[in-house]
Amino acid sequence: MKTTKTLAEIAIGELFEIADIEFIKFADENGQTVAVAKDSLFYSKFGNNNNFAESIIKSRLEKEILPKIEREIGAENIIEHEVDLISLDGDDKWCKANCKISIPTFDFYRANVKIFDKYKLDDWWWLATPETTSAHYNDNWAVCVSPRGKFSNYICSCNIGVRPFCILNSNIVVSE
């Protein structure tokens, strides 16, 4: 039987559920909780280039996943956040994207690898970080992570897993 708690009561690194999506809790600061879906919710091409702000993934997250979460916890409980789209080689052509739902960046994954490792993820999945941009080479490659934590660059037309990232108000009630 599932129990309910406020998100603030869930320990960092533990699972909780919203809208039939199992999330991993990553951080809890100033009444806000960072969460990433434990499993890929769908597989998708990145887009026509590696700019997450213009990506197929961002569009699908906003149209298909965000409304489900908003219906369950209320749109006001999902915090808009800024996604830094700096490429692995340091190019900032894509700047940043403001989102209520996104995917993790390379830097977020690297900072939280021990929590991700706890869950033995089972597929390759996209990160919002581009390999490089057309300012340096081309914009056809984005960064992915393997089930074992290996990074690779895949062409944006490949179908790779998508694990949503969001920031939520910590006072909402969730299933554990």
Foldseek 3Di string as FASTA:
>chain_A
DWDKDFLLPDDQLDWFDALNFIWGWHDADPQKTKIKTLAFPFWAQQDPFLQNQPGPLQVCCVPPPVVSRCVGFNPVFQDWDKAQAQAPVGDRPSGIHIDSKGAAAPVVCVVCVVSSLVSQYAFKEFHSYFNHDVVVPHGQWGWIAGSVGDIDIDGRHDTGGGMMMTMGRRRTMTID
